[in-house]
Amino acid sequence: KGNRVEYQGIEQVEGATPTNSRSHARTATSASTIWIPSTTSPSES
């Protein structure tokens, strides 16, 4: 899709445990930050 993804470490996300990993996807038109808990699917973006 032409996106760039970067792992940006562990971060506390509101209401979740601090084990969430943070990925960053950037297209030509927008940027998204997606929090992915270590055991489940994305919870916030």
ModelCIF file with pLDDT and N, C-alpha, C, O atoms, coordinates in Angstrom:
data_MODEL
#
_entry.id   MODEL 
#
_entity.id                         1 
_entity.type                       polymer 
_entity.pdbx_number_of_molecules   1 
#
_entity_poly.entity_id                      1 
_entity_poly.type                           'polypeptide(L)' 
_entity_poly.nstd_linkage                   no 
_entity_poly.nstd_monomer                   no 
_entity_poly.pdbx_seq_one_letter_code       KGNRVEYQGIEQVEGATPTNSRSHARTATSASTIWIPSTTSPSES 
_entity_poly.pdbx_seq_one_letter_code_can   KGNRVEYQGIEQVEGATPTNSRSHARTATSASTIWIPSTTSPSES 
_entity_poly.pdbx_strand_id                 A 
#
loop_
_entity_poly_seq.entity_id 
_entity_poly_seq.num 
_entity_poly_seq.mon_id 
_entity_poly_seq.hetero 
1 1  LYS n 
1 2  GLY n 
1 3  ASN n 
1 4  ARG n 
1 5  VAL n 
1 6  GLU n 
1 7  TYR n 
1 8  GLN n 
1 9  GLY n 
1 10 ILE n 
1 11 GLU n 
1 12 GLN n 
1 13 VAL n 
1 14 GLU n 
1 15 GLY n 
1 16 ALA n 
1 17 THR n 
1 18 PRO n 
1 19 THR n 
1 20 ASN n 
1 21 SER n 
1 22 ARG n 
1 23 SER n 
1 24 HIS n 
1 25 ALA n 
1 26 ARG n 
1 27 THR n 
1 28 ALA n 
1 29 THR n 
1 30 SER n 
1 31 ALA n 
1 32 SER n 
1 33 THR n 
1 34 ILE n 
1 35 TRP n 
1 36 ILE n 
1 37 PRO n 
1 38 SER n 
1 39 THR n 
1 40 THR n 
1 41 SER n 
1 42 PRO n 
1 43 SER n 
1 44 GLU n 
1 45 SER n 
#
_struct_asym.id          A 
_struct_asym.entity_id   1 
#
loop_
_ma_qa_metric.id 
_ma_qa_metric.mode 
_ma_qa_metric.name 
_ma_qa_metric.software_group_id 
_ma_qa_metric.type 
1 global pLDDT . pLDDT 
2 local  pLDDT . pLDDT 
#
_ma_qa_metric_global.metric_id      1 
_ma_qa_metric_global.metric_value   63.96 
_ma_qa_metric_global.model_id       1 
_ma_qa_metric_global.ordinal_id     1 
#
loop_
_ma_qa_metric_local.label_asym_id 
_ma_qa_metric_local.label_comp_id 
_ma_qa_metric_local.label_seq_id 
_ma_qa_metric_local.metric_id 
_ma_qa_metric_local.metric_value 
_ma_qa_metric_local.model_id 
_ma_qa_metric_local.ordinal_id 
A LYS 1  2 82.00 1 1  
A GLY 2  2 81.00 1 2  
A ASN 3  2 81.00 1 3  
A ARG 4  2 81.00 1 4  
A VAL 5  2 81.00 1 5  
A GLU 6  2 78.00 1 6  
A TYR 7  2 76.00 1 7  
A GLN 8  2 72.00 1 8  
A GLY 9  2 70.00 1 9  
A ILE 10 2 68.00 1 10 
A GLU 11 2 64.00 1 11 
A GLN 12 2 60.00 1 12 
A VAL 13 2 56.00 1 13 
A GLU 14 2 57.00 1 14 
A GLY 15 2 54.00 1 15 
A ALA 16 2 51.00 1 16 
A THR 17 2 50.00 1 17 
A PRO 18 2 46.00 1 18 
A THR 19 2 43.00 1 19 
A ASN 20 2 50.00 1 20 
A SER 21 2 54.00 1 21 
A ARG 22 2 55.00 1 22 
A SER 23 2 60.00 1 23 
A HIS 24 2 60.00 1 24 
A ALA 25 2 64.00 1 25 
A ARG 26 2 66.00 1 26 
A THR 27 2 65.00 1 27 
A ALA 28 2 63.00 1 28 
A THR 29 2 63.00 1 29 
A SER 30 2 68.00 1 30 
A ALA 31 2 71.00 1 31 
A SER 32 2 72.00 1 32 
A THR 33 2 70.00 1 33 
A ILE 34 2 72.00 1 34 
A TRP 35 2 66.00 1 35 
A ILE 36 2 66.00 1 36 
A PRO 37 2 60.00 1 37 
A SER 38 2 56.00 1 38 
A THR 39 2 54.00 1 39 
A THR 40 2 56.00 1 40 
A SER 41 2 56.00 1 41 
A PRO 42 2 58.00 1 42 
A SER 43 2 67.00 1 43 
A GLU 44 2 67.00 1 44 
A SER 45 2 68.00 1 45 
#
loop_
_atom_site.group_PDB 
_atom_site.id 
_atom_site.type_symbol 
_atom_site.label_atom_id 
_atom_site.label_alt_id 
_atom_site.label_comp_id 
_atom_site.label_asym_id 
_atom_site.label_entity_id 
_atom_site.label_seq_id 
_atom_site.pdbx_PDB_ins_code 
_atom_site.Cartn_x 
_atom_site.Cartn_y 
_atom_site.Cartn_z 
_atom_site.occupancy 
_atom_site.B_iso_or_equiv 
_atom_site.pdbx_formal_charge 
_atom_site.auth_seq_id 
_atom_site.auth_comp_id 
_atom_site.auth_asym_id 
_atom_site.auth_atom_id 
_atom_site.pdbx_PDB_model_num 
ATOM 1   N N  . LYS A 1 1  ? 0.813  -1.214  0.000  1.00 82.00 ? 1  LYS A N  1 
ATOM 2   C CA . LYS A 1 1  ? 0.000  0.000   0.000  1.00 82.00 ? 1  LYS A CA 1 
ATOM 3   C C  . LYS A 1 1  ? 0.849  1.266   0.000  1.00 82.00 ? 1  LYS A C  1 
ATOM 4   O O  . LYS A 1 1  ? 0.312  2.368   -0.116 1.00 82.00 ? 1  LYS A O  1 
ATOM 5   N N  . GLY A 1 2  ? 2.156  1.125   0.128  1.00 81.00 ? 2  GLY A N  1 
ATOM 6   C CA . GLY A 1 2  ? 3.032  2.292   0.168  1.00 81.00 ? 2  GLY A CA 1 
ATOM 7   C C  . GLY A 1 2  ? 3.118  2.936   1.539  1.00 81.00 ? 2  GLY A C  1 
ATOM 8   O O  . GLY A 1 2  ? 3.529  4.091   1.652  1.00 81.00 ? 2  GLY A O  1 
ATOM 9   N N  . ASN A 1 3  ? 2.735  2.206   2.595  1.00 81.00 ? 3  ASN A N  1 
ATOM 10  C CA . ASN A 1 3  ? 2.800  2.731   3.958  1.00 81.00 ? 3  ASN A CA 1 
ATOM 11  C C  . ASN A 1 3  ? 4.151  2.421   4.587  1.00 81.00 ? 3  ASN A C  1 
ATOM 12  O O  . ASN A 1 3  ? 4.822  1.464   4.201  1.00 81.00 ? 3  ASN A O  1 
ATOM 13  N N  . ARG A 1 4  ? 4.534  3.221   5.538  1.00 81.00 ? 4  ARG A N  1 
ATOM 14  C CA . ARG A 1 4  ? 5.745  3.003   6.332  1.00 81.00 ? 4  ARG A CA 1 
ATOM 15  C C  . ARG A 1 4  ? 5.305  2.721   7.761  1.00 81.00 ? 4  ARG A C  1 
ATOM 16  O O  . ARG A 1 4  ? 4.473  3.448   8.304  1.00 81.00 ? 4  ARG A O  1 
ATOM 17  N N  . VAL A 1 5  ? 5.844  1.687   8.372  1.00 81.00 ? 5  VAL A N  1 
ATOM 18  C CA . VAL A 1 5  ? 5.467  1.316   9.729  1.00 81.00 ? 5  VAL A CA 1 
ATOM 19  C C  . VAL A 1 5  ? 6.695  1.354   10.609 1.00 81.00 ? 5  VAL A C  1 
ATOM 20  O O  . VAL A 1 5  ? 7.751  0.844   10.234 1.00 81.00 ? 5  VAL A O  1 
ATOM 21  N N  . GLU A 1 6  ? 6.563  1.956   11.782 1.00 78.00 ? 6  GLU A N  1 
ATOM 22  C CA . GLU A 1 6  ? 7.653  2.051   12.748 1.00 78.00 ? 6  GLU A CA 1 
ATOM 23  C C  . GLU A 1 6  ? 7.164  1.586   14.105 1.00 78.00 ? 6  GLU A C  1 
ATOM 24  O O  . GLU A 1 6  ? 6.098  2.006   14.558 1.00 78.00 ? 6  GLU A O  1 
ATOM 25  N N  . TYR A 1 7  ? 7.932  0.721   14.763 1.00 76.00 ? 7  TYR A N  1 
ATOM 26  C CA . TYR A 1 7  ? 7.635  0.358   16.142 1.00 76.00 ? 7  TYR A CA 1 
ATOM 27  C C  . TYR A 1 7  ? 8.137  1.483   17.022 1.00 76.00 ? 7  TYR A C  1 
ATOM 28  O O  . TYR A 1 7  ? 9.279  1.920   16.878 1.00 76.00 ? 7  TYR A O  1 
ATOM 29  N N  . GLN A 1 8  ? 7.296  1.962   17.938 1.00 72.00 ? 8  GLN A N  1 
ATOM 30  C CA . GLN A 1 8  ? 7.685  3.108   18.755 1.00 72.00 ? 8  GLN A CA 1 
ATOM 31  C C  . GLN A 1 8  ? 7.696  2.802   20.243 1.00 72.00 ? 8  GLN A C  1 
ATOM 32  O O  . GLN A 1 8  ? 7.658  3.722   21.060 1.00 72.00 ? 8  GLN A O  1 
ATOM 33  N N  . GLY A 1 9  ? 7.749  1.524   20.612 1.00 70.00 ? 9  GLY A N  1 
ATOM 34  C CA . GLY A 1 9  ? 7.931  1.166   22.007 1.00 70.00 ? 9  GLY A CA 1 
ATOM 35  C C  . GLY A 1 9  ? 6.654  0.901   22.764 1.00 70.00 ? 9  GLY A C  1 
ATOM 36  O O  . GLY A 1 9  ? 5.577  0.780   22.181 1.00 70.00 ? 9  GLY A O  1 
ATOM 37  N N  . ILE A 1 10 ? 6.794  0.811   24.087 1.00 68.00 ? 10 ILE A N  1 
ATOM 38  C CA . ILE A 1 10 ? 5.689  0.508   24.985 1.00 68.00 ? 10 ILE A CA 1 
ATOM 39  C C  . ILE A 1 10 ? 5.115  1.811   25.523 1.00 68.00 ? 10 ILE A C  1 
ATOM 40  O O  . ILE A 1 10 ? 5.856  2.740   25.842 1.00 68.00 ? 10 ILE A O  1 
ATOM 41  N N  . GLU A 1 11 ? 3.801  1.873   25.620 1.00 64.00 ? 11 GLU A N  1 
ATOM 42  C CA . GLU A 1 11 ? 3.161  3.094   26.101 1.00 64.00 ? 11 GLU A CA 1 
ATOM 43  C C  . GLU A 1 11 ? 1.883  2.735   26.849 1.00 64.00 ? 11 GLU A C  1 
ATOM 44  O O  . GLU A 1 11 ? 1.177  1.808   26.453 1.00 64.00 ? 11 GLU A O  1 
ATOM 45  N N  . GLN A 1 12 ? 1.584  3.441   27.903 1.00 60.00 ? 12 GLN A N  1 
ATOM 46  C CA . GLN A 1 12 ? 0.329  3.265   28.644 1.00 60.00 ? 12 GLN A CA 1 
ATOM 47  C C  . GLN A 1 12 ? -0.789 3.909   27.838 1.00 60.00 ? 12 GLN A C  1 
ATOM 48  O O  . GLN A 1 12 ? -0.710 5.086   27.487 1.00 60.00 ? 12 GLN A O  1 
ATOM 49  N N  . VAL A 1 13 ? -1.827 3.140   27.547 1.00 56.00 ? 13 VAL A N  1 
ATOM 50  C CA . VAL A 1 13 ? -2.998 3.673   26.851 1.00 56.00 ? 13 VAL A CA 1 
ATOM 51  C C  . VAL A 1 13 ? -4.127 3.720   27.862 1.00 56.00 ? 13 VAL A C  1 
ATOM 52  O O  . VAL A 1 13 ? -4.299 2.794   28.654 1.00 56.00 ? 13 VAL A O  1 
ATOM 53  N N  . GLU A 1 14 ? -4.893 4.795   27.835 1.00 57.00 ? 14 GLU A N  1 
ATOM 54  C CA . GLU A 1 14 ? -5.953 5.013   28.819 1.00 57.00 ? 14 GLU A CA 1 
ATOM 55  C C  . GLU A 1 14 ? -6.824 3.768   28.993 1.00 57.00 ? 14 GLU A C  1 
ATOM 56  O O  . GLU A 1 14 ? -7.374 3.247   28.024 1.00 57.00 ? 14 GLU A O  1 
ATOM 57  N N  . GLY A 1 15 ? -6.942 3.298   30.236 1.00 54.00 ? 15 GLY A N  1 
ATOM 58  C CA . GLY A 1 15 ? -7.794 2.164   30.552 1.00 54.00 ? 15 GLY A CA 1 
ATOM 59  C C  . GLY A 1 15 ? -7.196 0.814   30.223 1.00 54.00 ? 15 GLY A C  1 
ATOM 60  O O  . GLY A 1 15 ? -7.889 -0.196  30.345 1.00 54.00 ? 15 GLY A O  1 
ATOM 61  N N  . ALA A 1 16 ? -5.941 0.751   29.812 1.00 51.00 ? 16 ALA A N  1 
ATOM 62  C CA . ALA A 1 16 ? -5.335 -0.528  29.440 1.00 51.00 ? 16 ALA A CA 1 
ATOM 63  C C  . ALA A 1 16 ? -4.041 -0.741  30.219 1.00 51.00 ? 16 ALA A C  1 
ATOM 64  O O  . ALA A 1 16 ? -3.540 0.173   30.874 1.00 51.00 ? 16 ALA A O  1 
ATOM 65  N N  . THR A 1 17 ? -3.520 -1.929  30.141 1.00 50.00 ? 17 THR A N  1 
ATOM 66  C CA . THR A 1 17 ? -2.265 -2.222  30.818 1.00 50.00 ? 17 THR A CA 1 
ATOM 67  C C  . THR A 1 17 ? -1.110 -1.572  30.062 1.00 50.00 ? 17 THR A C  1 
ATOM 68  O O  . THR A 1 17 ? -1.249 -1.258  28.880 1.00 50.00 ? 17 THR A O  1 
ATOM 69  N N  . PRO A 1 18 ? 0.022  -1.368  30.723 1.00 46.00 ? 18 PRO A N  1 
ATOM 70  C CA . PRO A 1 18 ? 1.137  -0.691  30.051 1.00 46.00 ? 18 PRO A CA 1 
ATOM 71  C C  . PRO A 1 18 ? 1.913  -1.583  29.089 1.00 46.00 ? 18 PRO A C  1 
ATOM 72  O O  . PRO A 1 18 ? 3.034  -1.232  28.719 1.00 46.00 ? 18 PRO A O  1 
ATOM 73  N N  . THR A 1 19 ? 1.367  -2.718  28.671 1.00 43.00 ? 19 THR A N  1 
ATOM 74  C CA . THR A 1 19 ? 2.066  -3.601  27.744 1.00 43.00 ? 19 THR A CA 1 
ATOM 75  C C  . THR A 1 19 ? 1.715  -3.319  26.289 1.00 43.00 ? 19 THR A C  1 
ATOM 76  O O  . THR A 1 19 ? 2.076  -4.095  25.403 1.00 43.00 ? 19 THR A O  1 
ATOM 77  N N  . ASN A 1 20 ? 1.022  -2.228  26.036 1.00 50.00 ? 20 ASN A N  1 
ATOM 78  C CA . ASN A 1 20 ? 0.633  -1.919  24.662 1.00 50.00 ? 20 ASN A CA 1 
ATOM 79  C C  . ASN A 1 20 ? 1.831  -1.496  23.839 1.00 50.00 ? 20 ASN A C  1 
ATOM 80  O O  . ASN A 1 20 ? 2.619  -0.650  24.261 1.00 50.00 ? 20 ASN A O  1 
ATOM 81  N N  . SER A 1 21 ? 1.965  -2.090  22.660 1.00 54.00 ? 21 SER A N  1 
ATOM 82  C CA . SER A 1 21 ? 3.000  -1.652  21.736 1.00 54.00 ? 21 SER A CA 1 
ATOM 83  C C  . SER A 1 21 ? 2.385  -0.634  20.801 1.00 54.00 ? 21 SER A C  1 
ATOM 84  O O  . SER A 1 21 ? 1.177  -0.646  20.561 1.00 54.00 ? 21 SER A O  1 
ATOM 85  N N  . ARG A 1 22 ? 3.205  0.234   20.280 1.00 55.00 ? 22 ARG A N  1 
ATOM 86  C CA . ARG A 1 22 ? 2.704  1.329   19.472 1.00 55.00 ? 22 ARG A CA 1 
ATOM 87  C C  . ARG A 1 22 ? 3.337  1.249   18.098 1.00 55.00 ? 22 ARG A C  1 
ATOM 88  O O  . ARG A 1 22 ? 4.562  1.223   17.975 1.00 55.00 ? 22 ARG A O  1 
ATOM 89  N N  . SER A 1 23 ? 2.521  1.210   17.078 1.00 60.00 ? 23 SER A N  1 
ATOM 90  C CA . SER A 1 23 ? 3.014  1.199   15.709 1.00 60.00 ? 23 SER A CA 1 
ATOM 91  C C  . SER A 1 23 ? 2.527  2.457   15.015 1.00 60.00 ? 23 SER A C  1 
ATOM 92  O O  . SER A 1 23 ? 1.516  3.044   15.399 1.00 60.00 ? 23 SER A O  1 
ATOM 93  N N  . HIS A 1 24 ? 3.243  2.853   14.014 1.00 60.00 ? 24 HIS A N  1 
ATOM 94  C CA . HIS A 1 24 ? 2.927  4.092   13.321 1.00 60.00 ? 24 HIS A CA 1 
ATOM 95  C C  . HIS A 1 24 ? 2.885  3.782   11.832 1.00 60.00 ? 24 HIS A C  1 
ATOM 96  O O  . HIS A 1 24 ? 3.847  3.238   11.291 1.00 60.00 ? 24 HIS A O  1 
ATOM 97  N N  . ALA A 1 25 ? 1.807  4.113   11.172 1.00 64.00 ? 25 ALA A N  1 
ATOM 98  C CA . ALA A 1 25 ? 1.706  3.893   9.733  1.00 64.00 ? 25 ALA A CA 1 
ATOM 99  C C  . ALA A 1 25 ? 1.502  5.238   9.055  1.00 64.00 ? 25 ALA A C  1 
ATOM 100 O O  . ALA A 1 25 ? 0.692  6.047   9.506  1.00 64.00 ? 25 ALA A O  1 
ATOM 101 N N  . ARG A 1 26 ? 2.212  5.471   8.006  1.00 66.00 ? 26 ARG A N  1 
ATOM 102 C CA . ARG A 1 26 ? 2.090  6.746   7.303  1.00 66.00 ? 26 ARG A CA 1 
ATOM 103 C C  . ARG A 1 26 ? 1.871  6.484   5.817  1.00 66.00 ? 26 ARG A C  1 
ATOM 104 O O  . ARG A 1 26 ? 2.619  5.739   5.184  1.00 66.00 ? 26 ARG A O  1 
ATOM 105 N N  . THR A 1 27 ? 0.833  7.112   5.276  1.00 65.00 ? 27 THR A N  1 
ATOM 106 C CA . THR A 1 27 ? 0.590  7.064   3.845  1.00 65.00 ? 27 THR A CA 1 
ATOM 107 C C  . THR A 1 27 ? 0.963  8.438   3.286  1.00 65.00 ? 27 THR A C  1 
ATOM 108 O O  . THR A 1 27 ? 1.417  9.313   4.025  1.00 65.00 ? 27 THR A O  1 
ATOM 109 N N  . ALA A 1 28 ? 0.775  8.617   2.018  1.00 63.00 ? 28 ALA A N  1 
ATOM 110 C CA . ALA A 1 28 ? 1.063  9.916   1.412  1.00 63.00 ? 28 ALA A CA 1 
ATOM 111 C C  . ALA A 1 28 ? 0.092  10.983  1.895  1.00 63.00 ? 28 ALA A C  1 
ATOM 112 O O  . ALA A 1 28 ? 0.386  12.174  1.798  1.00 63.00 ? 28 ALA A O  1 
ATOM 113 N N  . THR A 1 29 ? -1.070 10.570  2.419  1.00 63.00 ? 29 THR A N  1 
ATOM 114 C CA . THR A 1 29 ? -2.102 11.545  2.760  1.00 63.00 ? 29 THR A CA 1 
ATOM 115 C C  . THR A 1 29 ? -2.362 11.694  4.249  1.00 63.00 ? 29 THR A C  1 
ATOM 116 O O  . THR A 1 29 ? -2.942 12.699  4.660  1.00 63.00 ? 29 THR A O  1 
ATOM 117 N N  . SER A 1 30 ? -1.959 10.738  5.071  1.00 68.00 ? 30 SER A N  1 
ATOM 118 C CA . SER A 1 30 ? -2.269 10.831  6.490  1.00 68.00 ? 30 SER A CA 1 
ATOM 119 C C  . SER A 1 30 ? -1.301 9.993   7.301  1.00 68.00 ? 30 SER A C  1 
ATOM 120 O O  . SER A 1 30 ? -0.510 9.225   6.755  1.00 68.00 ? 30 SER A O  1 
ATOM 121 N N  . ALA A 1 31 ? -1.374 10.151  8.599  1.00 71.00 ? 31 ALA A N  1 
ATOM 122 C CA . ALA A 1 31 ? -0.567 9.344   9.512  1.00 71.00 ? 31 ALA A CA 1 
ATOM 123 C C  . ALA A 1 31 ? -1.497 8.761   10.553 1.00 71.00 ? 31 ALA A C  1 
ATOM 124 O O  . ALA A 1 31 ? -2.455 9.416   10.966 1.00 71.00 ? 31 ALA A O  1 
ATOM 125 N N  . SER A 1 32 ? -1.228 7.532   10.986 1.00 72.00 ? 32 SER A N  1 
ATOM 126 C CA . SER A 1 32 ? -2.027 6.870   12.008 1.00 72.00 ? 32 SER A CA 1 
ATOM 127 C C  . SER A 1 32 ? -1.107 6.322   13.073 1.00 72.00 ? 32 SER A C  1 
ATOM 128 O O  . SER A 1 32 ? -0.007 5.857   12.775 1.00 72.00 ? 32 SER A O  1 
ATOM 129 N N  . THR A 1 33 ? -1.547 6.374   14.299 1.00 70.00 ? 33 THR A N  1 
ATOM 130 C CA . THR A 1 33 ? -0.860 5.709   15.396 1.00 70.00 ? 33 THR A CA 1 
ATOM 131 C C  . THR A 1 33 ? -1.825 4.672   15.935 1.00 70.00 ? 33 THR A C  1 
ATOM 132 O O  . THR A 1 33 ? -2.966 4.999   16.262 1.00 70.00 ? 33 THR A O  1 
ATOM 133 N N  . ILE A 1 34 ? -1.388 3.436   16.032 1.00 72.00 ? 34 ILE A N  1 
ATOM 134 C CA . ILE A 1 34 ? -2.253 2.335   16.423 1.00 72.00 ? 34 ILE A CA 1 
ATOM 135 C C  . ILE A 1 34 ? -1.644 1.651   17.634 1.00 72.00 ? 34 ILE A C  1 
ATOM 136 O O  . ILE A 1 34 ? -0.488 1.228   17.601 1.00 72.00 ? 34 ILE A O  1 
ATOM 137 N N  . TRP A 1 35 ? -2.433 1.543   18.714 1.00 66.00 ? 35 TRP A N  1 
ATOM 138 C CA . TRP A 1 35 ? -1.964 0.867   19.921 1.00 66.00 ? 35 TRP A CA 1 
ATOM 139 C C  . TRP A 1 35 ? -2.436 -0.573  19.870 1.00 66.00 ? 35 TRP A C  1 
ATOM 140 O O  . TRP A 1 35 ? -3.631 -0.833  19.732 1.00 66.00 ? 35 TRP A O  1 
ATOM 141 N N  . ILE A 1 36 ? -1.512 -1.505  19.979 1.00 66.00 ? 36 ILE A N  1 
ATOM 142 C CA . ILE A 1 36 ? -1.837 -2.921  19.898 1.00 66.00 ? 36 ILE A CA 1 
ATOM 143 C C  . ILE A 1 36 ? -1.411 -3.590  21.191 1.00 66.00 ? 36 ILE A C  1 
ATOM 144 O O  . ILE A 1 36 ? -0.216 -3.741  21.444 1.00 66.00 ? 36 ILE A O  1 
ATOM 145 N N  . PRO A 1 37 ? -2.380 -3.997  22.022 1.00 60.00 ? 37 PRO A N  1 
ATOM 146 C CA . PRO A 1 37 ? -2.010 -4.738  23.236 1.00 60.00 ? 37 PRO A CA 1 
ATOM 147 C C  . PRO A 1 37 ? -1.268 -6.013  22.843 1.00 60.00 ? 37 PRO A C  1 
ATOM 148 O O  . PRO A 1 37 ? -1.507 -6.567  21.770 1.00 60.00 ? 37 PRO A O  1 
ATOM 149 N N  . SER A 1 38 ? -0.380 -6.472  23.700 1.00 56.00 ? 38 SER A N  1 
ATOM 150 C CA . SER A 1 38 ? 0.482  -7.606  23.344 1.00 56.00 ? 38 SER A CA 1 
ATOM 151 C C  . SER A 1 38 ? -0.291 -8.895  23.111 1.00 56.00 ? 38 SER A C  1 
ATOM 152 O O  . SER A 1 38 ? 0.261  -9.819  22.515 1.00 56.00 ? 38 SER A O  1 
ATOM 153 N N  . THR A 1 39 ? -1.544 -9.003  23.551 1.00 54.00 ? 39 THR A N  1 
ATOM 154 C CA . THR A 1 39 ? -2.269 -10.262 23.407 1.00 54.00 ? 39 THR A CA 1 
ATOM 155 C C  . THR A 1 39 ? -3.552 -10.148 22.592 1.00 54.00 ? 39 THR A C  1 
ATOM 156 O O  . THR A 1 39 ? -4.213 -11.164 22.378 1.00 54.00 ? 39 THR A O  1 
ATOM 157 N N  . THR A 1 40 ? -3.933 -8.966  22.130 1.00 56.00 ? 40 THR A N  1 
ATOM 158 C CA . THR A 1 40 ? -5.201 -8.827  21.420 1.00 56.00 ? 40 THR A CA 1 
ATOM 159 C C  . THR A 1 40 ? -5.063 -7.955  20.185 1.00 56.00 ? 40 THR A C  1 
ATOM 160 O O  . THR A 1 40 ? -3.953 -7.657  19.745 1.00 56.00 ? 40 THR A O  1 
ATOM 161 N N  . SER A 1 41 ? -6.182 -7.553  19.637 1.00 56.00 ? 41 SER A N  1 
ATOM 162 C CA . SER A 1 41 ? -6.237 -6.714  18.446 1.00 56.00 ? 41 SER A CA 1 
ATOM 163 C C  . SER A 1 41 ? -6.140 -5.244  18.831 1.00 56.00 ? 41 SER A C  1 
ATOM 164 O O  . SER A 1 41 ? -6.213 -4.915  20.015 1.00 56.00 ? 41 SER A O  1 
ATOM 165 N N  . PRO A 1 42 ? -5.974 -4.337  17.838 1.00 58.00 ? 42 PRO A N  1 
ATOM 166 C CA . PRO A 1 42 ? -5.866 -2.913  18.160 1.00 58.00 ? 42 PRO A CA 1 
ATOM 167 C C  . PRO A 1 42 ? -7.032 -2.418  19.005 1.00 58.00 ? 42 PRO A C  1 
ATOM 168 O O  . PRO A 1 42 ? -8.183 -2.788  18.774 1.00 58.00 ? 42 PRO A O  1 
ATOM 169 N N  . SER A 1 43 ? -6.715 -1.571  19.996 1.00 67.00 ? 43 SER A N  1 
ATOM 170 C CA . SER A 1 43 ? -7.749 -1.042  20.873 1.00 67.00 ? 43 SER A CA 1 
ATOM 171 C C  . SER A 1 43 ? -8.003 0.436   20.628 1.00 67.00 ? 43 SER A C  1 
ATOM 172 O O  . SER A 1 43 ? -9.127 0.907   20.800 1.00 67.00 ? 43 SER A O  1 
ATOM 173 N N  . GLU A 1 44 ? -6.986 1.164   20.233 1.00 67.00 ? 44 GLU A N  1 
ATOM 174 C CA . GLU A 1 44 ? -7.143 2.602   19.975 1.00 67.00 ? 44 GLU A CA 1 
ATOM 175 C C  . GLU A 1 44 ? -6.258 2.993   18.811 1.00 67.00 ? 44 GLU A C  1 
ATOM 176 O O  . GLU A 1 44 ? -5.235 2.362   18.547 1.00 67.00 ? 44 GLU A O  1 
ATOM 177 N N  . SER A 1 45 ? -6.667 4.042   18.121 1.00 68.00 ? 45 SER A N  1 
ATOM 178 C CA . SER A 1 45 ? -5.826 4.591   17.065 1.00 68.00 ? 45 SER A CA 1 
ATOM 179 C C  . SER A 1 45 ? -6.083 6.082   16.967 1.00 68.00 ? 45 SER A C  1 
ATOM 180 O O  . SER A 1 45 ? -5.479 6.760   16.136 1.00 68.00 ? 45 SER A O  1 
#
